[in-house]
Amino acid sequence: MHKSLSIVVATGLIGAATLLGAAPALADETENSEPPNVELVLDVSGSMKAADIDGETRIAVAKRAFGKVVDALPENTQLGIRVLGATYPGKNKKVACQDTQQIVPVGPVNAVQAKNAIATLKPTGYTPIGLALKKAAEDLGDTGSIRRIVLITDGEDTCTPPDPCEVARELAAQGTHLVVDTLGLTPDEKTRKQLVCISTATGGTYAAAKSEEELTDRVQQLVDRAATPPPVQPATVTGTADCANAPLLAPGVYTDREKISEHRYYRVAVPSDQELRASVSIALDRPVNPDYGVLLKASTTGGRELVRGVDAGSGRADVLSAGLRWSADEQKADAKASAEAADDDEAAEKAEDASTEVCLIVSNSFAATTAATAPGMPVELSIDLVDASHTPDAPGLGRGFLFLLVVAVAGLIAGILAGWITRYWVATWREN
């Protein structure tokens, strides 16, 4: 699962379990959610001295852009600023790769404090992006609200390990609602790929800027969007390796993690008069070999397949999605007919009203280009139950002898008509 993952922020989850099972995520739960905490992470490494943006240095342009954004921020924004490569000018790489500091703590915006802190920055050292992301996540805390990091850099990490892509995956897998948006200043291809990898792993976005105007607009957009609640924040759920122990899910939106070539099981109770509609999306947050697919399958608890949905890719998509729909009409009709044949009115009535427990299986056919398989790839599962849409019965032709009689009569009529038409045509042809 090309379509970019949406920028989603600021919302709450349903905290208590429902009668059907795991708590779903619903849109009306966003009203009382806390505002998100946002931290800007700015690269102040030596490469920011380059004077290639409108004839000025990258750091000078970044400072002015930051100042404009800070002036335009709403008062209730919870903002912090962290820098990397800003203080150590030496050549000891071990020391240089620890060079990251929070210069403005996360809290209500103090424009004067923030702009003064930015004004003193000078391009200095290395680019420890992986470490800066870890520290930024700690700065934002874990209050249960959405946390957002906006990373601005002009180059790739020069301090791996830790690899920033692996750090982003680990942070996302912790289930703490952390989103990382990345913004590249005049990025080369290697930098672009790394920034895309970081943002994709956490459900964030990537953008590039090659001028002061572009940089100001991009940062402003990212911070503004951080204050916009999404319609739904998926609830976290953990699928199992078999149906018997799978979580029982109510209608809603859920998030999970699935390793390469893994199968994840979930259960849904489908009432007799309703139809199950389910979809799954898997984000490719790491390089995989081309030619792959995602399968969403519904089966009975005994393993009999009911319906499936598939999607395939060849290396050009960032997200793969599959969906299915199924109702218990046919299964219910068979059970009712069996009960009526046995002259068991009570069983027939139960068959009419019974719900069916369905297993949903999510699997993939990815093949990683690296040995790293953990954490699993992000999975979003959407489940809904709606009134069953009954297909009108087609007119039947009957069975057994009745069917043979209908076929015989139709054949006789067709033969008589064909004979009349042929005789008329021959007679007309001879006269002319």
Protein backbone atom coordinates (compact mmCIF):
# COMPACT_ATOMS: atom_id res chain seq x y z
CA MET A 1 0.00 0.00 0.00
CA HIS A 2 1.23 5.50 -5.37
CA LYS A 3 -0.70 7.13 -2.76
CA SER A 4 0.92 8.82 0.16
CA LEU A 5 -0.01 8.01 3.69
CA SER A 6 -2.20 10.85 5.07
CA ILE A 7 -0.89 13.43 7.54
CA VAL A 8 -2.90 12.45 10.59
CA VAL A 9 -2.70 14.06 14.00
CA ALA A 10 -4.50 14.95 17.23
CA THR A 11 -7.24 12.52 18.17
CA GLY A 12 -8.19 10.04 20.91
CA LEU A 13 -9.00 6.35 21.02
CA ILE A 14 -11.85 4.55 22.69
CA GLY A 15 -10.37 3.31 25.94
CA ALA A 16 -12.72 0.54 26.98
CA ALA A 17 -13.44 -2.75 25.26
CA THR A 18 -16.81 -3.19 23.61
CA LEU A 19 -19.06 -6.23 23.79
CA LEU A 20 -17.79 -7.41 20.43
CA GLY A 21 -14.12 -7.23 21.32
CA ALA A 22 -11.25 -4.81 20.80
CA ALA A 23 -12.08 -1.11 20.96
CA PRO A 24 -12.57 0.42 17.52
CA ALA A 25 -11.56 3.90 16.48
CA LEU A 26 -14.48 6.18 15.69
CA ALA A 27 -14.58 9.72 14.31
CA ASP A 28 -16.64 11.21 17.14
CA GLU A 29 -13.91 10.45 19.67
CA THR A 30 -11.70 13.30 18.42
CA GLU A 31 -13.52 16.19 20.13
CA ASN A 32 -11.87 15.83 23.55
CA SER A 33 -8.40 14.91 22.30
CA GLU A 34 -5.39 16.91 23.51
CA PRO A 35 -3.50 19.14 21.08
CA PRO A 36 -0.43 17.44 19.63
CA ASN A 37 3.10 18.16 20.73
CA VAL A 38 5.34 19.25 17.83
CA GLU A 39 9.13 19.47 17.68
CA LEU A 40 11.13 21.00 14.84
CA VAL A 41 14.47 19.25 14.34
CA LEU A 42 16.94 21.38 12.38
CA ASP A 43 20.19 20.21 10.80
CA VAL A 44 22.97 22.70 11.63
CA SER A 45 25.84 20.55 10.32
CA GLY A 46 28.76 21.97 8.33
CA SER A 47 27.03 21.47 4.96
CA MET A 48 24.48 24.17 5.91
CA LYS A 49 27.22 26.74 5.12
CA ALA A 50 26.69 26.14 1.38
CA ALA A 51 25.51 29.33 -0.36
CA ASP A 52 23.23 27.81 -2.99
CA ILE A 53 19.74 29.04 -2.09
CA ASP A 54 19.02 32.33 -3.83
CA GLY A 55 22.70 33.23 -3.38
CA GLU A 56 22.60 32.84 0.40
CA THR A 57 23.71 30.13 2.81
CA ARG A 58 21.26 27.40 3.65
CA ILE A 59 21.39 28.25 7.36
CA ALA A 60 20.61 31.94 6.75
CA VAL A 61 17.56 31.02 4.69
CA ALA A 62 16.47 28.44 7.28
CA LYS A 63 16.72 30.97 10.12
CA ARG A 64 14.50 33.49 8.34
CA ALA A 65 11.99 30.82 7.37
CA PHE A 66 11.83 29.59 10.97
CA GLY A 67 11.33 33.14 12.21
CA LYS A 68 8.37 33.68 9.88
CA VAL A 69 6.80 30.37 10.92
CA VAL A 70 7.21 31.12 14.65
CA ASP A 71 5.55 34.54 14.21
CA ALA A 72 2.56 32.92 12.50
CA LEU A 73 1.97 30.12 15.02
CA PRO A 74 -1.28 30.07 17.06
CA GLU A 75 -0.78 30.72 20.77
CA ASN A 76 -1.98 27.25 21.83
CA THR A 77 0.65 25.42 19.74
CA GLN A 78 2.87 23.14 21.84
CA LEU A 79 6.22 23.55 20.10
CA GLY A 80 9.84 22.57 20.79
CA ILE A 81 13.05 22.95 18.76
CA ARG A 82 16.01 20.56 18.62
CA VAL A 83 19.19 20.94 16.58
CA LEU A 84 21.88 18.52 15.41
CA GLY A 85 25.52 19.15 14.47
CA ALA A 86 25.42 22.62 16.04
CA THR A 87 28.16 22.69 18.70
CA TYR A 88 31.12 20.33 18.12
CA PRO A 89 33.65 21.53 15.48
CA GLY A 90 36.24 18.79 16.04
CA LYS A 91 37.08 15.69 14.01
CA ASN A 92 36.42 13.07 16.70
CA LYS A 93 33.49 11.30 15.06
CA LYS A 94 32.43 9.52 18.26
CA VAL A 95 31.95 12.88 19.97
CA ALA A 96 30.53 14.62 16.89
CA CYS A 97 27.85 11.94 16.48
CA GLN A 98 26.47 12.77 19.94
CA ASP A 99 26.00 16.43 19.00
CA THR A 100 22.26 17.15 19.35
CA GLN A 101 20.53 19.51 21.78
CA GLN A 102 17.04 20.76 22.52
CA ILE A 103 17.26 24.57 22.40
CA VAL A 104 13.55 25.28 23.04
CA PRO A 105 11.55 22.91 25.32
CA VAL A 106 8.14 21.69 24.15
CA GLY A 107 5.46 24.04 25.40
CA PRO A 108 3.36 27.11 24.52
CA VAL A 109 5.14 29.17 21.90
CA ASN A 110 7.35 32.00 23.13
CA ALA A 111 8.19 33.72 19.85
CA VAL A 112 11.01 35.86 21.25
CA GLN A 113 12.69 32.89 22.97
CA ALA A 114 12.40 30.67 19.90
CA LYS A 115 13.72 33.28 17.43
CA ASN A 116 16.63 34.24 19.70
CA ALA A 117 17.63 30.57 20.05
CA ILE A 118 17.57 30.11 16.28
CA ALA A 119 19.50 33.33 15.60
CA THR A 120 22.61 32.09 17.45
CA LEU A 121 23.00 28.87 15.41
CA LYS A 122 26.14 28.35 13.30
CA PRO A 123 26.82 25.39 10.94
CA THR A 124 29.38 23.23 12.69
CA GLY A 125 29.58 19.44 12.70
CA TYR A 126 28.25 16.05 11.61
CA THR A 127 24.67 14.94 10.89
CA PRO A 128 23.44 12.48 13.59
CA ILE A 129 19.85 12.22 12.35
CA GLY A 130 19.12 8.82 13.95
CA LEU A 131 20.15 9.99 17.41
CA ALA A 132 18.30 13.30 17.01
CA LEU A 133 15.08 11.45 16.19
CA LYS A 134 15.42 9.29 19.30
CA LYS A 135 16.03 12.35 21.49
CA ALA A 136 13.18 14.29 19.87
CA ALA A 137 10.78 11.45 20.69
CA GLU A 138 11.94 11.66 24.33
CA ASP A 139 11.48 15.45 24.30
CA LEU A 140 7.86 15.06 23.24
CA GLY A 141 7.13 12.59 26.02
CA ASP A 142 4.43 9.95 25.96
CA THR A 143 1.24 11.57 27.22
CA GLY A 144 -1.01 9.57 24.93
CA SER A 145 -1.63 12.48 22.55
CA ILE A 146 -0.28 12.65 19.01
CA ARG A 147 3.42 13.52 18.82
CA ARG A 148 4.89 15.07 15.69
CA ILE A 149 8.47 15.68 14.56
CA VAL A 150 9.33 17.91 11.59
CA LEU A 151 12.88 17.10 10.43
CA ILE A 152 14.65 19.63 8.20
CA THR A 153 18.02 18.59 6.77
CA ASP A 154 20.19 19.16 3.70
CA GLY A 155 21.96 15.80 3.77
CA GLU A 156 21.80 12.18 4.85
CA ASP A 157 22.91 10.83 8.23
CA THR A 158 26.72 10.76 8.58
CA CYS A 159 26.70 8.92 11.92
CA THR A 160 25.03 5.57 11.17
CA PRO A 161 24.51 3.55 13.33
CA PRO A 162 21.86 4.06 14.43
CA ASP A 163 20.30 4.03 10.98
CA PRO A 164 17.58 6.73 10.93
CA CYS A 165 15.18 4.50 8.96
CA GLU A 166 15.50 1.76 11.57
CA VAL A 167 15.03 4.34 14.34
CA ALA A 168 11.84 5.60 12.67
CA ARG A 169 10.46 2.05 12.37
CA GLU A 170 11.24 1.31 16.00
CA LEU A 171 9.57 4.51 17.18
CA ALA A 172 6.49 3.82 15.07
CA ALA A 173 6.28 0.22 16.32
CA GLN A 174 6.08 1.42 19.93
CA GLY A 175 2.50 2.48 19.27
CA THR A 176 2.95 5.94 20.78
CA HIS A 177 1.32 7.93 17.95
CA LEU A 178 4.56 9.43 16.68
CA VAL A 179 4.63 10.91 13.17
CA VAL A 180 7.79 12.20 11.47
CA ASP A 181 7.51 14.60 8.54
CA THR A 182 10.73 15.24 6.61
CA LEU A 183 11.80 18.23 4.56
CA GLY A 184 14.91 18.19 2.37
CA LEU A 185 16.85 21.38 1.59
CA THR A 186 18.16 21.03 -1.99
CA PRO A 187 18.40 17.25 -1.42
CA ASP A 188 20.37 14.85 -3.58
CA GLU A 189 18.92 11.43 -4.46
CA LYS A 190 20.49 9.58 -1.49
CA THR A 191 19.15 12.17 0.94
CA ARG A 192 15.72 12.06 -0.66
CA LYS A 193 15.52 8.27 -0.34
CA GLN A 194 16.52 8.37 3.32
CA LEU A 195 14.00 11.11 4.16
CA VAL A 196 11.22 9.28 2.31
CA CYS A 197 12.09 6.13 4.25
CA ILE A 198 11.88 7.97 7.60
CA SER A 199 8.55 9.63 6.87
CA THR A 200 6.95 6.53 5.36
CA ALA A 201 7.86 4.41 8.38
CA THR A 202 5.83 6.66 10.69
CA GLY A 203 2.95 7.65 8.39
CA GLY A 204 4.41 11.11 7.75
CA THR A 205 5.16 13.02 4.55
CA TYR A 206 8.25 14.11 2.61
CA ALA A 207 8.76 17.40 0.81
CA ALA A 208 11.70 19.27 -0.76
CA ALA A 209 12.52 22.99 -0.76
CA LYS A 210 14.96 24.86 -3.00
CA SER A 211 14.10 28.43 -2.04
CA GLU A 212 13.28 30.46 1.07
CA GLU A 213 9.66 30.81 -0.03
CA GLU A 214 9.29 27.05 -0.51
CA LEU A 215 10.92 26.32 2.85
CA THR A 216 8.68 28.78 4.71
CA ASP A 217 5.54 27.44 3.04
CA ARG A 218 6.43 23.78 3.65
CA VAL A 219 7.26 24.24 7.34
CA GLN A 220 4.15 26.37 7.88
CA GLN A 221 1.94 23.74 6.23
CA LEU A 222 3.38 20.94 8.34
CA VAL A 223 2.95 22.83 11.61
CA ASP A 224 -0.57 23.99 10.68
CA ARG A 225 -1.64 20.46 9.78
CA ALA A 226 -0.33 19.25 13.12
CA ALA A 227 -3.14 21.22 14.79
CA THR A 228 -5.88 19.71 12.58
CA PRO A 229 -7.53 16.65 14.14
CA PRO A 230 -7.92 13.68 11.77
CA PRO A 231 -11.35 12.02 11.37
CA VAL A 232 -10.06 8.74 12.80
CA GLN A 233 -6.96 7.56 14.64
CA PRO A 234 -6.69 3.77 14.32
CA ALA A 235 -6.85 1.69 17.51
CA THR A 236 -3.90 -0.62 18.11
CA VAL A 237 -4.58 -4.36 17.86
CA THR A 238 -2.36 -7.44 17.64
CA GLY A 239 -3.30 -10.21 15.22
CA THR A 240 -2.39 -13.82 16.00
CA ALA A 241 -0.98 -16.81 14.13
CA ASP A 242 -4.29 -18.72 14.15
CA CYS A 243 -8.01 -18.02 14.19
CA ALA A 244 -8.79 -19.65 17.53
CA ASN A 245 -6.78 -17.08 19.51
CA ALA A 246 -7.43 -14.08 17.24
CA PRO A 247 -8.84 -10.85 18.73
CA LEU A 248 -12.58 -10.33 18.22
CA LEU A 249 -13.04 -6.94 16.54
CA ALA A 250 -15.96 -4.53 16.42
CA PRO A 251 -16.53 -2.22 13.43
CA GLY A 252 -13.78 0.40 13.35
CA VAL A 253 -10.26 1.17 12.15
CA TYR A 254 -7.26 -0.70 13.56
CA THR A 255 -3.51 -0.64 13.19
CA ASP A 256 -1.08 -3.55 13.50
CA ARG A 257 2.37 -4.62 12.30
CA GLU A 258 3.05 -7.59 10.01
CA LYS A 259 6.41 -9.10 9.19
CA ILE A 260 7.36 -10.16 5.68
CA SER A 261 5.53 -13.32 4.51
CA GLU A 262 3.56 -13.43 7.76
CA HIS A 263 -0.13 -14.32 8.25
CA ARG A 264 -2.20 -12.35 10.79
CA TYR A 265 -5.63 -13.52 12.01
CA TYR A 266 -8.56 -11.50 13.37
CA ARG A 267 -12.20 -12.42 14.10
CA VAL A 268 -15.47 -10.60 13.39
CA ALA A 269 -19.01 -11.61 14.40
CA VAL A 270 -21.35 -10.99 11.45
CA PRO A 271 -25.09 -10.86 12.34
CA SER A 272 -27.40 -12.79 10.03
CA ASP A 273 -28.98 -9.64 8.56
CA GLN A 274 -25.75 -7.74 7.97
CA GLU A 275 -22.87 -7.67 5.51
CA LEU A 276 -19.18 -7.56 6.39
CA ARG A 277 -17.07 -5.03 4.53
CA ALA A 278 -13.34 -5.06 5.28
CA SER A 279 -10.21 -3.55 3.77
CA VAL A 280 -6.52 -3.64 4.59
CA SER A 281 -3.58 -1.43 3.62
CA ILE A 282 0.09 -2.29 4.15
CA ALA A 283 2.71 0.44 3.89
CA LEU A 284 6.06 -0.50 2.37
CA ASP A 285 8.32 1.19 4.91
CA ARG A 286 11.48 -0.60 3.69
CA PRO A 287 12.95 -1.73 0.36
CA VAL A 288 11.43 -4.95 -1.01
CA ASN A 289 11.98 -6.96 -4.15
CA PRO A 290 9.59 -6.23 -7.04
CA ASP A 291 6.53 -8.37 -7.78
CA TYR A 292 4.63 -8.72 -4.52
CA GLY A 293 1.08 -8.90 -3.27
CA VAL A 294 -1.28 -8.46 -0.32
CA LEU A 295 -4.14 -10.85 0.44
CA LEU A 296 -7.18 -10.25 2.66
CA LYS A 297 -9.22 -13.41 3.10
CA ALA A 298 -12.39 -14.25 5.03
CA SER A 299 -12.96 -17.83 6.17
CA THR A 300 -15.03 -19.81 8.63
CA THR A 301 -13.50 -20.66 11.99
CA GLY A 302 -13.01 -24.15 10.58
CA GLY A 303 -10.83 -22.86 7.74
CA ARG A 304 -13.26 -22.93 4.79
CA GLU A 305 -12.63 -19.90 2.56
CA LEU A 306 -15.59 -17.57 2.03
CA VAL A 307 -14.19 -14.71 -0.06
CA ARG A 308 -10.88 -12.98 -0.75
CA GLY A 309 -9.46 -9.69 -1.99
CA VAL A 310 -5.97 -9.19 -3.44
CA ASP A 311 -3.67 -6.43 -4.64
CA ALA A 312 -0.34 -6.79 -6.41
CA GLY A 313 2.55 -4.47 -7.17
CA SER A 314 5.76 -4.36 -9.14
CA GLY A 315 7.86 -1.99 -7.05
CA ARG A 316 6.22 1.35 -7.86
CA ALA A 317 3.69 1.59 -4.99
CA ASP A 318 4.26 2.75 -1.41
CA VAL A 319 1.00 1.21 -0.17
CA LEU A 320 -0.92 -1.91 -1.19
CA SER A 321 -4.62 -2.29 -0.36
CA ALA A 322 -7.19 -5.06 -0.68
CA GLY A 323 -10.86 -5.32 0.27
CA LEU A 324 -13.76 -7.76 0.46
CA ARG A 325 -17.46 -7.96 1.28
CA TRP A 326 -19.45 -10.95 2.55
CA SER A 327 -22.87 -11.62 4.08
CA ALA A 328 -24.19 -14.71 5.85
CA ASP A 329 -27.27 -15.04 3.61
CA GLU A 330 -26.22 -18.20 1.79
CA GLN A 331 -24.85 -19.92 4.88
CA LYS A 332 -27.96 -18.96 6.84
CA ALA A 333 -30.25 -20.26 4.07
CA ASP A 334 -28.46 -23.63 4.00
CA ALA A 335 -28.72 -24.00 7.78
CA LYS A 336 -32.39 -23.04 7.76
CA ALA A 337 -33.18 -25.47 4.93
CA SER A 338 -31.46 -28.30 6.79
CA ALA A 339 -33.44 -27.55 9.95
CA GLU A 340 -36.73 -27.36 8.05
CA ALA A 341 -35.97 -30.65 6.29
CA ALA A 342 -35.49 -32.21 9.73
CA ASP A 343 -38.81 -30.64 10.80
CA ASP A 344 -37.04 -28.74 13.60
CA ASP A 345 -38.81 -25.38 13.91
CA GLU A 346 -36.64 -24.24 16.84
CA ALA A 347 -33.43 -24.92 14.94
CA ALA A 348 -34.82 -23.14 11.86
CA GLU A 349 -35.63 -20.07 13.95
CA LYS A 350 -32.14 -20.07 15.48
CA ALA A 351 -30.59 -20.40 12.03
CA GLU A 352 -32.58 -17.36 10.91
CA ASP A 353 -31.25 -15.15 13.72
CA ALA A 354 -27.76 -16.60 14.32
CA SER A 355 -24.62 -14.56 13.75
CA THR A 356 -21.60 -16.05 12.03
CA GLU A 357 -18.06 -15.68 13.34
CA VAL A 358 -15.68 -14.96 10.47
CA CYS A 359 -11.90 -15.12 10.45
CA LEU A 360 -10.06 -12.35 8.59
CA ILE A 361 -6.56 -13.30 7.43
CA VAL A 362 -4.04 -10.67 6.29
CA SER A 363 -0.96 -12.01 4.48
CA ASN A 364 1.70 -10.71 2.13
CA SER A 365 4.21 -12.00 -0.40
CA PHE A 366 6.96 -9.45 0.12
CA ALA A 367 10.65 -10.34 -0.05
CA ALA A 368 13.01 -7.96 1.75
CA THR A 369 16.20 -6.76 0.13
CA THR A 370 17.87 -6.69 3.56
CA ALA A 371 18.05 -9.09 6.47
CA ALA A 372 16.05 -6.77 8.75
CA THR A 373 12.49 -8.04 9.27
CA ALA A 374 11.57 -6.38 12.58
CA PRO A 375 9.54 -4.43 13.35
CA GLY A 376 6.80 -5.51 10.99
CA MET A 377 5.35 -3.25 8.31
CA PRO A 378 2.46 -0.92 9.22
CA VAL A 379 -0.98 -2.46 8.63
CA GLU A 380 -4.29 -0.57 8.72
CA LEU A 381 -7.43 -2.71 8.92
CA SER A 382 -10.90 -1.23 8.42
CA ILE A 383 -14.02 -3.20 9.40
CA ASP A 384 -17.65 -2.27 8.89
CA LEU A 385 -21.00 -4.05 9.23
CA VAL A 386 -23.94 -2.77 7.15
CA ASP A 387 -27.41 -4.00 6.30
CA ALA A 388 -27.13 -6.88 3.88
CA SER A 389 -27.84 -5.96 0.25
CA HIS A 390 -29.96 -8.85 -0.92
CA THR A 391 -29.71 -9.80 -4.59
CA PRO A 392 -33.18 -10.26 -6.15
CA ASP A 393 -33.94 -13.87 -7.04
CA ALA A 394 -33.63 -14.58 -10.76
CA PRO A 395 -36.55 -16.31 -12.45
CA GLY A 396 -35.95 -20.06 -12.23
CA LEU A 397 -36.40 -22.61 -14.99
CA GLY A 398 -37.24 -25.39 -12.63
CA ARG A 399 -35.48 -28.66 -11.93
CA GLY A 400 -35.73 -32.28 -13.03
CA PHE A 401 -38.58 -33.14 -15.45
CA LEU A 402 -39.91 -29.55 -15.41
CA PHE A 403 -36.59 -28.26 -16.63
CA LEU A 404 -36.48 -30.91 -19.41
CA LEU A 405 -40.03 -30.01 -20.46
CA VAL A 406 -39.15 -26.29 -20.72
CA VAL A 407 -36.08 -27.10 -22.83
CA ALA A 408 -38.08 -29.43 -25.12
CA VAL A 409 -40.85 -26.88 -25.73
CA ALA A 410 -38.33 -24.10 -26.38
CA GLY A 411 -36.48 -26.33 -28.86
CA LEU A 412 -39.72 -27.23 -30.68
CA ILE A 413 -40.77 -23.62 -31.06
CA ALA A 414 -37.29 -22.60 -32.23
CA GLY A 415 -37.32 -25.42 -34.84
CA ILE A 416 -40.75 -24.46 -36.22
CA LEU A 417 -39.75 -20.80 -36.54
CA ALA A 418 -36.48 -21.71 -38.24
CA GLY A 419 -38.34 -23.93 -40.73
CA TRP A 420 -40.88 -21.23 -41.64
CA ILE A 421 -38.18 -18.63 -42.15
CA THR A 422 -36.13 -21.01 -44.34
CA ARG A 423 -39.13 -21.96 -46.54
CA TYR A 424 -40.04 -18.28 -46.98
CA TRP A 425 -36.49 -17.37 -47.95
CA VAL A 426 -36.18 -20.26 -50.49
CA ALA A 427 -39.54 -19.46 -52.08
CA THR A 428 -38.67 -15.78 -52.43
CA TRP A 429 -35.20 -16.56 -53.86
CA ARG A 430 -36.65 -18.89 -56.57
CA GLU A 431 -39.21 -16.32 -57.70
CA ASN A 432 -36.53 -13.66 -58.08
